[in-house]
């Protein structure tokens, strides 16, 4: 049995407004103070996360004749910061103001001991479509919210899906093909390397058709940009777009993908070829990259149902 809920969370000054809707027009609302400590813990975790990946995997040669300082255990610091962030986040979501919302999602209460209902709840899958009005809220680890633990009935049966606040375009029509067609864009690989991704795609070659476009040393940047546009706009069409590389969030342009060293494409620059690709069957987009919330929001707004 499946149940679907929509949960909208809006941050207005220091207050979070929670609105849960479901069924045939039912809704619940709650107001909850948003503690500054969660923002502080997130930024501390984020700083240590970047330090861990920038420094822990890169060797450093000490200057001759100097005594190197003891190494910093960035992994231990990262684990500690993650634990603190999750503790404060879960403590906040366990607030009494949200009890009715949590109980409604689980569809139970502590006084109901009916055995058949308990068994039914254990087999139920609950889908919560989460919408946040700010990147500050979106960056929080909502998928780690163990809503059912409080009721000792459901632990892993609540699935949280991100849903952008705006979706202005309809989704694509499904196009049936003999083989799934994938366009793989391999961007700037500085500090990365894409062999694992290539191997994964190659292992599926019996059931998929893959075409690659990407940067190579010495390649003309304008030529590369045109190749990406032309591939996306192909009349044959694609089912999946896969990007690997660096990416970043932006406020007005839907995010950016780094297609070559010191060269990025904004999503709004690709809006026309993406729309053509959607009309030709493109519906699923995978970005193996960092800082992608604005990418996902913009692409779903353009009518891609899964990013």
Protein backbone atom coordinates (compact mmCIF):
# COMPACT_ATOMS: atom_id res chain seq x y z
CA UNK A 1 0.00 0.00 0.00
CA UNK A 2 1.32 3.44 -0.91
CA UNK A 3 0.54 6.90 0.50
CA UNK A 4 1.64 10.21 -0.98
CA UNK A 5 2.14 13.48 0.91
CA UNK A 6 3.35 16.93 -0.11
CA UNK A 7 5.38 18.80 2.49
CA UNK A 8 6.24 22.45 1.90
CA UNK A 9 8.76 24.11 4.23
CA UNK A 10 9.21 27.88 4.05
CA UNK A 11 11.78 29.92 5.95
CA UNK A 12 10.56 33.43 6.82
CA UNK A 13 13.07 35.32 8.94
CA UNK A 14 13.64 32.94 11.90
CA UNK A 15 10.46 30.89 11.53
CA UNK A 16 9.81 27.78 9.44
CA UNK A 17 6.29 27.25 8.16
CA UNK A 18 5.44 23.57 7.56
CA UNK A 19 2.45 22.73 5.36
CA UNK A 20 1.47 19.08 4.82
CA UNK A 21 -1.15 18.25 2.19
CA UNK A 22 -2.55 14.88 1.10
CA UNK A 23 -5.59 12.97 -0.05
CA UNK A 24 -8.59 14.99 -1.22
CA UNK A 25 -7.64 18.42 0.05
CA UNK A 26 -6.55 17.61 3.61
CA UNK A 27 -3.81 19.75 5.07
CA UNK A 28 -1.95 20.48 8.30
CA UNK A 29 0.14 23.52 9.21
CA UNK A 30 2.77 24.12 11.88
CA UNK A 31 5.20 26.92 12.75
CA UNK A 32 8.61 26.13 14.17
CA UNK A 33 11.50 28.36 15.19
CA UNK A 34 14.57 27.81 12.99
CA UNK A 35 17.71 27.68 15.14
CA UNK A 36 20.85 29.42 13.94
CA UNK A 37 22.86 26.49 15.32
CA UNK A 38 21.73 24.28 12.42
CA UNK A 39 23.05 26.78 9.88
CA UNK A 40 26.31 27.06 11.81
CA UNK A 41 26.69 23.27 11.99
CA UNK A 42 25.98 22.94 8.27
CA UNK A 43 28.66 25.48 7.35
CA UNK A 44 31.17 23.81 9.68
CA UNK A 45 30.43 20.40 8.14
CA UNK A 46 30.66 21.83 4.62
CA UNK A 47 34.03 23.47 5.32
CA UNK A 48 35.45 20.21 6.73
CA UNK A 49 33.96 18.21 3.86
CA UNK A 50 35.84 20.35 1.34
CA UNK A 51 39.03 20.21 3.40
CA UNK A 52 38.82 16.42 3.60
CA UNK A 53 38.57 15.95 -0.15
CA UNK A 54 41.02 18.68 -1.04
CA UNK A 55 43.75 17.71 1.40
CA UNK A 56 43.31 14.11 2.49
CA UNK A 57 43.73 12.72 -1.02
CA UNK A 58 46.63 14.92 -2.12
CA UNK A 59 50.17 14.28 -1.00
CA UNK A 60 52.37 17.14 0.09
CA UNK A 61 56.15 17.29 0.08
CA UNK A 62 57.64 19.02 3.13
CA UNK A 63 60.33 21.65 2.66
CA UNK A 64 63.86 20.32 3.15
CA UNK A 65 65.19 21.04 6.63
CA UNK A 66 61.79 21.69 8.20
CA UNK A 67 59.86 19.63 10.71
CA UNK A 68 56.44 18.86 9.36
CA UNK A 69 53.55 19.51 11.78
CA UNK A 70 51.51 16.47 12.83
CA UNK A 71 48.92 15.61 10.19
CA UNK A 72 45.34 16.71 10.80
CA UNK A 73 42.82 13.87 10.83
CA UNK A 74 40.28 15.52 8.54
CA UNK A 75 38.19 12.38 8.36
CA UNK A 76 37.67 12.28 12.13
CA UNK A 77 36.78 15.97 12.17
CA UNK A 78 34.35 15.44 9.28
CA UNK A 79 32.61 12.54 11.02
CA UNK A 80 32.30 14.60 14.20
CA UNK A 81 30.82 17.57 12.30
CA UNK A 82 28.39 15.30 10.43
CA UNK A 83 27.23 13.67 13.67
CA UNK A 84 26.66 17.08 15.27
CA UNK A 85 24.70 18.37 12.26
CA UNK A 86 22.48 15.29 12.14
CA UNK A 87 21.87 15.39 15.90
CA UNK A 88 20.76 19.03 15.83
CA UNK A 89 18.68 18.50 12.68
CA UNK A 90 16.87 15.45 14.11
CA UNK A 91 16.37 17.16 17.48
CA UNK A 92 14.75 20.12 15.70
CA UNK A 93 12.43 17.89 13.65
CA UNK A 94 11.39 16.02 16.81
CA UNK A 95 9.89 19.25 18.19
CA UNK A 96 6.39 19.00 19.68
CA UNK A 97 5.06 21.49 17.11
CA UNK A 98 5.61 18.89 14.35
CA UNK A 99 4.11 15.91 16.20
CA UNK A 100 0.78 16.01 14.37
CA UNK A 101 2.52 16.23 10.99
CA UNK A 102 4.81 13.31 11.83
CA UNK A 103 1.90 11.21 13.11
CA UNK A 104 -0.18 11.94 10.02
CA UNK A 105 2.63 10.87 7.69
CA UNK A 106 2.98 7.60 9.59
CA UNK A 107 -0.83 7.38 9.98
CA UNK A 108 -0.75 6.04 13.50
CA UNK A 109 -0.69 7.09 17.16
CA UNK A 110 0.95 5.69 20.23
CA UNK A 111 -2.28 4.41 21.79
CA UNK A 112 -3.28 2.27 18.83
CA UNK A 113 -2.09 -1.29 19.52
CA UNK A 114 -4.26 -3.07 16.98
CA UNK A 115 -2.05 -5.89 15.66
CA UNK A 116 -3.48 -5.89 12.14
CA UNK A 117 -2.97 -2.14 11.82
CA UNK A 118 0.62 -2.44 13.03
CA UNK A 119 1.35 -5.13 10.45
CA UNK A 120 -0.29 -3.03 7.76
CA UNK A 121 1.86 -0.03 8.67
CA UNK A 122 5.03 -2.12 8.50
CA UNK A 123 4.29 -3.00 4.87
CA UNK A 124 3.18 0.48 3.81
CA UNK A 125 5.37 2.68 1.62
CA UNK A 126 4.99 6.41 2.28
CA UNK A 127 6.25 8.97 -0.26
CA UNK A 128 6.85 12.53 0.91
CA UNK A 129 7.43 15.12 -1.83
CA UNK A 130 9.42 17.90 -0.16
CA UNK A 131 9.48 21.51 -1.36
CA UNK A 132 11.68 24.18 0.26
CA UNK A 133 11.61 27.89 -0.52
CA UNK A 134 15.34 28.52 -0.04
CA UNK A 135 18.68 26.88 -0.75
CA UNK A 136 19.51 27.19 2.95
CA UNK A 137 16.70 24.75 3.72
CA UNK A 138 17.26 22.58 0.66
CA UNK A 139 20.87 21.91 1.65
CA UNK A 140 19.80 20.22 4.88
CA UNK A 141 19.86 16.37 4.95
CA UNK A 142 16.09 15.81 4.76
CA UNK A 143 16.55 12.27 3.42
CA UNK A 144 18.04 11.35 6.81
CA UNK A 145 14.81 12.30 8.63
CA UNK A 146 13.75 9.03 10.28
CA UNK A 147 10.12 10.01 10.78
CA UNK A 148 8.97 6.55 11.78
CA UNK A 149 11.49 5.85 14.53
CA UNK A 150 9.45 7.78 17.06
CA UNK A 151 6.52 5.39 16.59
CA UNK A 152 8.54 2.14 16.50
CA UNK A 153 6.51 1.02 13.52
CA UNK A 154 8.16 2.29 10.36
CA UNK A 155 11.88 2.86 9.92
CA UNK A 156 12.77 2.62 6.24
CA UNK A 157 9.31 2.88 4.68
CA UNK A 158 9.23 6.67 4.30
CA UNK A 159 10.79 7.90 1.07
CA UNK A 160 11.56 11.62 0.73
CA UNK A 161 11.72 13.10 -2.76
CA UNK A 162 12.88 16.63 -3.58
CA UNK A 163 10.40 18.74 -5.52
CA UNK A 164 11.21 22.30 -6.71
CA UNK A 165 8.93 25.16 -5.78
CA UNK A 166 8.24 25.92 -9.47
CA UNK A 167 7.42 23.45 -12.26
CA UNK A 168 6.27 25.42 -15.29
CA UNK A 169 6.63 22.92 -18.14
CA UNK A 170 4.93 19.59 -18.74
CA UNK A 171 6.95 16.37 -18.81
CA UNK A 172 8.09 14.65 -22.00
CA UNK A 173 6.20 11.99 -23.87
CA UNK A 174 7.79 8.55 -23.65
CA UNK A 175 9.49 7.41 -26.85
CA UNK A 176 9.89 3.66 -27.30
CA UNK A 177 13.29 2.64 -28.68
CA UNK A 178 14.99 -0.69 -29.28
CA UNK A 179 17.90 0.43 -27.12
CA UNK A 180 18.05 3.14 -24.47
CA UNK A 181 20.00 6.08 -25.89
CA UNK A 182 22.40 7.91 -23.55
CA UNK A 183 24.27 11.12 -24.26
CA UNK A 184 27.31 11.32 -21.96
CA UNK A 185 28.91 14.75 -21.53
CA UNK A 186 32.34 14.48 -19.89
CA UNK A 187 33.38 17.88 -18.60
CA UNK A 188 36.46 19.24 -16.86
CA UNK A 189 38.14 16.28 -15.15
CA UNK A 190 40.59 18.30 -13.02
CA UNK A 191 41.09 16.26 -9.85
CA UNK A 192 38.58 13.66 -11.01
CA UNK A 193 39.00 11.08 -13.79
CA UNK A 194 36.12 9.38 -15.59
CA UNK A 195 37.35 5.85 -16.22
CA UNK A 196 34.95 4.34 -13.67
CA UNK A 197 32.01 6.07 -15.35
CA UNK A 198 33.14 4.86 -18.78
CA UNK A 199 33.50 1.30 -17.47
CA UNK A 200 30.00 1.41 -15.95
CA UNK A 201 28.47 2.54 -19.23
CA UNK A 202 30.47 -0.01 -21.21
CA UNK A 203 29.15 -2.82 -19.01
CA UNK A 204 25.61 -1.94 -20.21
CA UNK A 205 26.42 -1.76 -23.92
CA UNK A 206 24.15 -4.75 -24.73
CA UNK A 207 21.06 -2.80 -23.71
CA UNK A 208 22.09 0.83 -24.27
CA UNK A 209 23.60 2.99 -26.98
CA UNK A 210 26.03 5.64 -25.67
CA UNK A 211 27.56 8.62 -27.44
CA UNK A 212 30.21 10.78 -25.80
CA UNK A 213 31.00 14.45 -26.14
CA UNK A 214 33.57 16.23 -24.02
CA UNK A 215 36.71 18.21 -23.55
CA UNK A 216 40.15 17.04 -24.63
CA UNK A 217 43.44 18.94 -24.34
CA UNK A 218 43.82 21.32 -27.25
CA UNK A 219 40.16 21.22 -28.26
CA UNK A 220 38.62 24.52 -29.32
CA UNK A 221 36.13 25.68 -26.67
CA UNK A 222 33.64 27.19 -29.15
CA UNK A 223 33.71 23.96 -31.12
CA UNK A 224 33.03 21.98 -27.95
CA UNK A 225 30.06 24.17 -27.03
CA UNK A 226 28.60 23.74 -30.50
CA UNK A 227 29.10 19.96 -30.35
CA UNK A 228 27.14 19.82 -27.08
CA UNK A 229 24.29 21.88 -28.54
CA UNK A 230 24.22 19.81 -31.75
CA UNK A 231 24.22 16.49 -29.88
CA UNK A 232 21.40 17.58 -27.56
CA UNK A 233 19.37 18.79 -30.53
CA UNK A 234 19.78 15.57 -32.52
CA UNK A 235 16.54 14.50 -34.24
CA UNK A 236 17.22 10.87 -33.30
CA UNK A 237 16.78 11.85 -29.66
CA UNK A 238 17.99 10.62 -26.27
CA UNK A 239 16.43 8.90 -23.28
CA UNK A 240 19.09 9.81 -20.70
CA UNK A 241 21.55 12.67 -20.35
CA UNK A 242 24.60 11.89 -18.20
CA UNK A 243 27.07 14.56 -17.12
CA UNK A 244 30.28 13.97 -15.17
CA UNK A 245 32.49 16.79 -13.97
CA UNK A 246 32.35 19.88 -11.80
CA UNK A 247 29.20 21.94 -11.36
CA UNK A 248 27.98 24.82 -9.25
CA UNK A 249 24.83 26.49 -8.02
CA UNK A 250 23.87 29.93 -9.34
CA UNK A 251 21.03 32.25 -8.35
CA UNK A 252 19.65 33.31 -11.73
CA UNK A 253 20.97 30.97 -14.43
CA UNK A 254 19.89 27.55 -13.15
CA UNK A 255 23.39 26.42 -12.25
CA UNK A 256 26.52 25.83 -14.29
CA UNK A 257 28.42 22.81 -15.56
CA UNK A 258 32.16 22.99 -16.16
CA UNK A 259 32.76 21.58 -19.64
CA UNK A 260 36.50 22.39 -19.72
CA UNK A 261 39.09 23.99 -17.42
CA UNK A 262 37.92 27.53 -16.58
CA UNK A 263 34.94 27.15 -18.92
CA UNK A 264 31.32 26.69 -17.84
CA UNK A 265 27.93 26.49 -19.50
CA UNK A 266 24.87 27.84 -17.72
CA UNK A 267 21.69 25.79 -17.84
CA UNK A 268 19.74 28.72 -19.26
CA UNK A 269 22.20 28.75 -22.20
CA UNK A 270 21.14 25.16 -22.93
CA UNK A 271 17.40 25.71 -22.50
CA UNK A 272 16.57 25.57 -26.22
CA UNK A 273 18.56 22.39 -27.07
CA UNK A 274 17.27 20.77 -23.85
CA UNK A 275 13.69 21.56 -24.87
CA UNK A 276 14.33 20.00 -28.29
CA UNK A 277 15.82 16.94 -26.61
CA UNK A 278 12.78 16.68 -24.31
CA UNK A 279 10.43 16.78 -27.29
CA UNK A 280 12.50 13.96 -28.81
CA UNK A 281 12.11 11.78 -25.71
CA UNK A 282 14.73 12.91 -23.17
CA UNK A 283 13.29 12.46 -19.68
CA UNK A 284 15.98 11.30 -17.21
CA UNK A 285 19.09 13.35 -16.36
CA UNK A 286 22.02 12.25 -14.18
CA UNK A 287 24.65 14.70 -12.91
CA UNK A 288 27.68 13.16 -11.23
CA UNK A 289 28.85 16.51 -9.93
CA UNK A 290 28.79 18.79 -6.88
CA UNK A 291 26.48 21.61 -5.73
CA UNK A 292 23.62 20.66 -7.96
CA UNK A 293 20.43 21.82 -6.23
CA UNK A 294 19.80 24.73 -8.60
CA UNK A 295 20.60 22.44 -11.55
CA UNK A 296 17.93 19.98 -10.47
CA UNK A 297 15.36 22.68 -9.71
CA UNK A 298 15.81 24.39 -13.08
CA UNK A 299 15.75 21.16 -15.08
CA UNK A 300 12.60 19.88 -13.36
CA UNK A 301 11.05 23.30 -13.95
CA UNK A 302 11.79 22.75 -17.66
CA UNK A 303 9.73 19.53 -17.59
CA UNK A 304 12.21 16.75 -16.81
CA UNK A 305 10.54 14.53 -14.25
CA UNK A 306 13.69 12.91 -12.82
CA UNK A 307 17.04 14.62 -12.22
